[in-house]
Amino acid sequence: MATAGSISRSASISWGQLLIGVLVGVAAALVMAMFAMVAAATYQGTGFFTPLYHIASSLIDPATMMRSMEAAASGDALHSRRGRLPWA
């Protein structure tokens, strides 16, 4: 049985491979975020920016997320922290 200190790794990863992995991970996260935002605005009915407010609620005022959800419940799916978006 291996202990925590006896595991070693002999394979090395180049900086280029690491950079590619990071960029692919960021791209996948952006696609997932856009899917969550579109899903929230369309069939979930909680507002377009609510998923982002949910993630950021530990850093910004948590009431911002609730205002976004309340605006979506009243029919304004594109409500942002600064009010209704100008192009909507």
N, C-alpha and C. Protein backbone atom coordinates (compact mmCIF):
# COMPACT_ATOMS: atom_id res chain seq x y z
N MET A 1 0.85 -1.18 0.00
CA MET A 1 0.00 0.00 0.00
C MET A 1 0.89 1.24 0.00
N ALA A 2 0.60 2.14 -0.90
CA ALA A 2 1.41 3.35 -1.03
C ALA A 2 1.00 4.37 0.02
N THR A 3 1.98 5.07 0.52
CA THR A 3 1.69 6.16 1.46
C THR A 3 1.72 7.46 0.69
N ALA A 4 1.28 8.50 1.33
CA ALA A 4 1.15 9.79 0.65
C ALA A 4 2.49 10.33 0.17
N GLY A 5 3.57 10.04 0.85
CA GLY A 5 4.87 10.59 0.49
C GLY A 5 5.63 9.75 -0.52
N SER A 6 5.18 8.53 -0.86
CA SER A 6 5.96 7.65 -1.72
C SER A 6 5.55 7.69 -3.19
N ILE A 7 4.59 8.49 -3.56
CA ILE A 7 4.14 8.55 -4.94
C ILE A 7 5.00 9.56 -5.69
N SER A 8 5.57 9.11 -6.80
CA SER A 8 6.38 10.01 -7.61
C SER A 8 5.92 9.94 -9.06
N ARG A 9 6.29 10.95 -9.81
CA ARG A 9 5.90 11.02 -11.21
C ARG A 9 7.13 11.33 -12.04
N SER A 10 7.38 10.49 -13.03
CA SER A 10 8.58 10.70 -13.83
C SER A 10 8.30 11.41 -15.14
N ALA A 11 7.05 11.50 -15.57
CA ALA A 11 6.72 12.16 -16.84
C ALA A 11 6.78 13.68 -16.66
N SER A 12 7.30 14.34 -17.68
CA SER A 12 7.36 15.80 -17.61
C SER A 12 6.40 16.39 -18.63
N ILE A 13 5.91 17.57 -18.33
CA ILE A 13 5.00 18.28 -19.21
C ILE A 13 5.68 19.57 -19.65
N SER A 14 5.66 19.82 -20.93
CA SER A 14 6.30 21.05 -21.43
C SER A 14 5.39 22.25 -21.16
N TRP A 15 5.99 23.43 -21.21
CA TRP A 15 5.22 24.65 -21.00
C TRP A 15 4.18 24.84 -22.09
N GLY A 16 4.48 24.40 -23.30
CA GLY A 16 3.53 24.51 -24.40
C GLY A 16 2.29 23.66 -24.16
N GLN A 17 2.48 22.44 -23.67
CA GLN A 17 1.35 21.57 -23.35
C GLN A 17 0.52 22.14 -22.20
N LEU A 18 1.20 22.71 -21.23
CA LEU A 18 0.50 23.32 -20.11
C LEU A 18 -0.34 24.51 -20.58
N LEU A 19 0.23 25.33 -21.44
CA LEU A 19 -0.49 26.49 -21.97
C LEU A 19 -1.71 26.06 -22.79
N ILE A 20 -1.55 25.04 -23.61
CA ILE A 20 -2.68 24.53 -24.39
C ILE A 20 -3.77 24.02 -23.46
N GLY A 21 -3.41 23.30 -22.43
CA GLY A 21 -4.39 22.80 -21.47
C GLY A 21 -5.13 23.92 -20.76
N VAL A 22 -4.41 24.96 -20.39
CA VAL A 22 -5.04 26.10 -19.73
C VAL A 22 -6.00 26.81 -20.68
N LEU A 23 -5.58 27.05 -21.92
CA LEU A 23 -6.44 27.73 -22.89
C LEU A 23 -7.69 26.92 -23.22
N VAL A 24 -7.55 25.61 -23.37
CA VAL A 24 -8.71 24.77 -23.63
C VAL A 24 -9.65 24.78 -22.43
N GLY A 25 -9.12 24.78 -21.24
CA GLY A 25 -9.95 24.84 -20.04
C GLY A 25 -10.71 26.15 -19.93
N VAL A 26 -10.06 27.26 -20.24
CA VAL A 26 -10.73 28.56 -20.21
C VAL A 26 -11.82 28.63 -21.27
N ALA A 27 -11.54 28.11 -22.47
CA ALA A 27 -12.54 28.11 -23.53
C ALA A 27 -13.76 27.27 -23.13
N ALA A 28 -13.52 26.12 -22.53
CA ALA A 28 -14.62 25.27 -22.08
C ALA A 28 -15.43 25.95 -20.98
N ALA A 29 -14.77 26.67 -20.09
CA ALA A 29 -15.49 27.38 -19.04
C ALA A 29 -16.36 28.49 -19.62
N LEU A 30 -15.87 29.19 -20.64
CA LEU A 30 -16.67 30.24 -21.27
C LEU A 30 -17.90 29.67 -21.97
N VAL A 31 -17.74 28.54 -22.64
CA VAL A 31 -18.88 27.89 -23.29
C VAL A 31 -19.90 27.45 -22.25
N MET A 32 -19.44 26.89 -21.15
CA MET A 32 -20.35 26.46 -20.09
C MET A 32 -21.07 27.66 -19.46
N ALA A 33 -20.36 28.76 -19.27
CA ALA A 33 -20.99 29.95 -18.70
C ALA A 33 -22.06 30.51 -19.62
N MET A 34 -21.77 30.56 -20.92
CA MET A 34 -22.77 31.05 -21.87
C MET A 34 -24.00 30.14 -21.91
N PHE A 35 -23.78 28.83 -21.84
CA PHE A 35 -24.91 27.91 -21.81
C PHE A 35 -25.76 28.15 -20.57
N ALA A 36 -25.11 28.32 -19.41
CA ALA A 36 -25.85 28.56 -18.18
C ALA A 36 -26.63 29.87 -18.24
N MET A 37 -26.05 30.91 -18.85
CA MET A 37 -26.73 32.19 -18.93
C MET A 37 -27.92 32.13 -19.89
N VAL A 38 -27.76 31.46 -21.02
CA VAL A 38 -28.87 31.33 -21.97
C VAL A 38 -29.97 30.45 -21.36
N ALA A 39 -29.59 29.38 -20.70
CA ALA A 39 -30.58 28.51 -20.07
C ALA A 39 -31.34 29.26 -18.99
N ALA A 40 -30.65 30.07 -18.20
CA ALA A 40 -31.31 30.83 -17.13
C ALA A 40 -32.28 31.85 -17.71
N ALA A 41 -31.93 32.45 -18.83
CA ALA A 41 -32.79 33.49 -19.42
C ALA A 41 -33.98 32.90 -20.16
N THR A 42 -33.85 31.70 -20.69
CA THR A 42 -34.92 31.15 -21.52
C THR A 42 -35.85 30.25 -20.73
N TYR A 43 -35.48 29.01 -20.53
CA TYR A 43 -36.45 28.08 -19.95
C TYR A 43 -36.44 28.03 -18.43
N GLN A 44 -35.41 28.55 -17.76
CA GLN A 44 -35.44 28.59 -16.30
C GLN A 44 -36.15 29.84 -15.78
N GLY A 45 -36.11 30.90 -16.57
CA GLY A 45 -36.81 32.12 -16.20
C GLY A 45 -36.23 32.87 -15.02
N THR A 46 -34.93 32.72 -14.77
CA THR A 46 -34.32 33.40 -13.63
C THR A 46 -33.49 34.61 -14.02
N GLY A 47 -33.37 34.92 -15.29
CA GLY A 47 -32.61 36.10 -15.73
C GLY A 47 -31.28 35.73 -16.33
N PHE A 48 -30.86 36.49 -17.33
CA PHE A 48 -29.65 36.20 -18.08
C PHE A 48 -28.39 36.27 -17.22
N PHE A 49 -28.26 37.28 -16.37
CA PHE A 49 -27.05 37.48 -15.59
C PHE A 49 -27.07 36.79 -14.23
N THR A 50 -28.16 36.14 -13.87
CA THR A 50 -28.28 35.51 -12.56
C THR A 50 -27.19 34.47 -12.29
N PRO A 51 -26.80 33.61 -13.26
CA PRO A 51 -25.70 32.68 -12.96
C PRO A 51 -24.40 33.38 -12.60
N LEU A 52 -24.11 34.50 -13.26
CA LEU A 52 -22.89 35.24 -12.93
C LEU A 52 -23.01 35.88 -11.55
N TYR A 53 -24.19 36.41 -11.23
CA TYR A 53 -24.39 36.99 -9.90
C TYR A 53 -24.31 35.91 -8.83
N HIS A 54 -24.75 34.70 -9.15
CA HIS A 54 -24.68 33.61 -8.19
C HIS A 54 -23.21 33.29 -7.86
N ILE A 55 -22.36 33.25 -8.86
CA ILE A 55 -20.94 32.99 -8.64
C ILE A 55 -20.29 34.14 -7.88
N ALA A 56 -20.64 35.37 -8.23
CA ALA A 56 -19.99 36.54 -7.64
C ALA A 56 -20.64 36.99 -6.34
N SER A 57 -21.68 36.32 -5.87
CA SER A 57 -22.39 36.79 -4.69
C SER A 57 -21.53 36.77 -3.43
N SER A 58 -20.43 36.01 -3.42
CA SER A 58 -19.55 36.05 -2.25
C SER A 58 -18.65 37.29 -2.26
N LEU A 59 -18.52 37.94 -3.43
CA LEU A 59 -17.68 39.12 -3.54
C LEU A 59 -18.48 40.41 -3.61
N ILE A 60 -19.64 40.37 -4.26
CA ILE A 60 -20.49 41.55 -4.35
C ILE A 60 -21.67 41.38 -3.40
N ASP A 61 -22.55 42.31 -3.40
CA ASP A 61 -23.72 42.26 -2.54
C ASP A 61 -24.63 41.10 -2.96
N PRO A 62 -24.92 40.15 -2.06
CA PRO A 62 -25.78 39.02 -2.43
C PRO A 62 -27.19 39.46 -2.85
N ALA A 63 -27.61 40.63 -2.44
CA ALA A 63 -28.93 41.11 -2.83
C ALA A 63 -29.01 41.40 -4.33
N THR A 64 -27.87 41.57 -4.99
CA THR A 64 -27.86 41.81 -6.43
C THR A 64 -28.44 40.62 -7.18
N MET A 65 -28.10 39.41 -6.73
CA MET A 65 -28.64 38.22 -7.37
C MET A 65 -30.15 38.16 -7.18
N MET A 66 -30.63 38.50 -6.00
CA MET A 66 -32.07 38.46 -5.75
C MET A 66 -32.80 39.50 -6.58
N ARG A 67 -32.20 40.69 -6.75
CA ARG A 67 -32.83 41.71 -7.60
C ARG A 67 -32.92 41.23 -9.05
N SER A 68 -31.88 40.52 -9.51
CA SER A 68 -31.90 39.98 -10.86
C SER A 68 -33.00 38.94 -11.02
N MET A 69 -33.16 38.09 -10.04
CA MET A 69 -34.20 37.06 -10.11
C MET A 69 -35.60 37.68 -10.01
N GLU A 70 -35.74 38.70 -9.18
CA GLU A 70 -37.04 39.37 -9.06
C GLU A 70 -37.40 40.10 -10.36
N ALA A 71 -36.41 40.71 -11.00
CA ALA A 71 -36.67 41.38 -12.27
C ALA A 71 -37.07 40.37 -13.34
N ALA A 72 -36.43 39.20 -13.33
CA ALA A 72 -36.79 38.15 -14.29
C ALA A 72 -38.20 37.64 -14.03
N ALA A 73 -38.58 37.54 -12.77
CA ALA A 73 -39.92 37.08 -12.44
C ALA A 73 -40.98 38.07 -12.90
N SER A 74 -40.61 39.35 -12.97
CA SER A 74 -41.56 40.36 -13.44
C SER A 74 -41.50 40.56 -14.96
N GLY A 75 -40.68 39.75 -15.65
CA GLY A 75 -40.64 39.80 -17.12
C GLY A 75 -39.41 40.44 -17.72
N ASP A 76 -38.48 40.92 -16.92
CA ASP A 76 -37.27 41.57 -17.45
C ASP A 76 -36.09 40.60 -17.33
N ALA A 77 -35.90 39.76 -18.34
CA ALA A 77 -34.85 38.73 -18.28
C ALA A 77 -33.45 39.30 -18.46
N LEU A 78 -33.31 40.52 -18.99
CA LEU A 78 -32.00 41.09 -19.24
C LEU A 78 -31.64 42.19 -18.24
N HIS A 79 -32.13 42.10 -17.04
CA HIS A 79 -31.81 43.08 -16.00
C HIS A 79 -30.36 42.89 -15.55
N SER A 80 -29.61 43.97 -15.47
CA SER A 80 -28.23 43.89 -14.99
C SER A 80 -28.11 44.70 -13.71
N ARG A 81 -26.95 44.66 -13.12
CA ARG A 81 -26.71 45.36 -11.85
C ARG A 81 -26.95 46.87 -11.98
N ARG A 82 -26.71 47.41 -13.16
CA ARG A 82 -26.87 48.85 -13.38
C ARG A 82 -28.22 49.20 -14.00
N GLY A 83 -29.12 48.24 -14.05
CA GLY A 83 -30.43 48.49 -14.63
C GLY A 83 -30.61 47.72 -15.92
N ARG A 84 -31.61 48.08 -16.66
CA ARG A 84 -31.89 47.39 -17.92
C ARG A 84 -30.81 47.71 -18.94
N LEU A 85 -30.42 46.71 -19.71
CA LEU A 85 -29.38 46.91 -20.71
C LEU A 85 -29.88 47.80 -21.83
N PRO A 86 -29.03 48.68 -22.37
CA PRO A 86 -29.48 49.65 -23.38
C PRO A 86 -29.92 49.01 -24.68
N TRP A 87 -29.37 47.87 -25.08
CA TRP A 87 -29.72 47.26 -26.35
C TRP A 87 -30.92 46.32 -26.23
N ALA A 88 -31.43 46.12 -25.05
CA ALA A 88 -32.55 45.17 -24.87
C ALA A 88 -33.87 45.87 -24.92
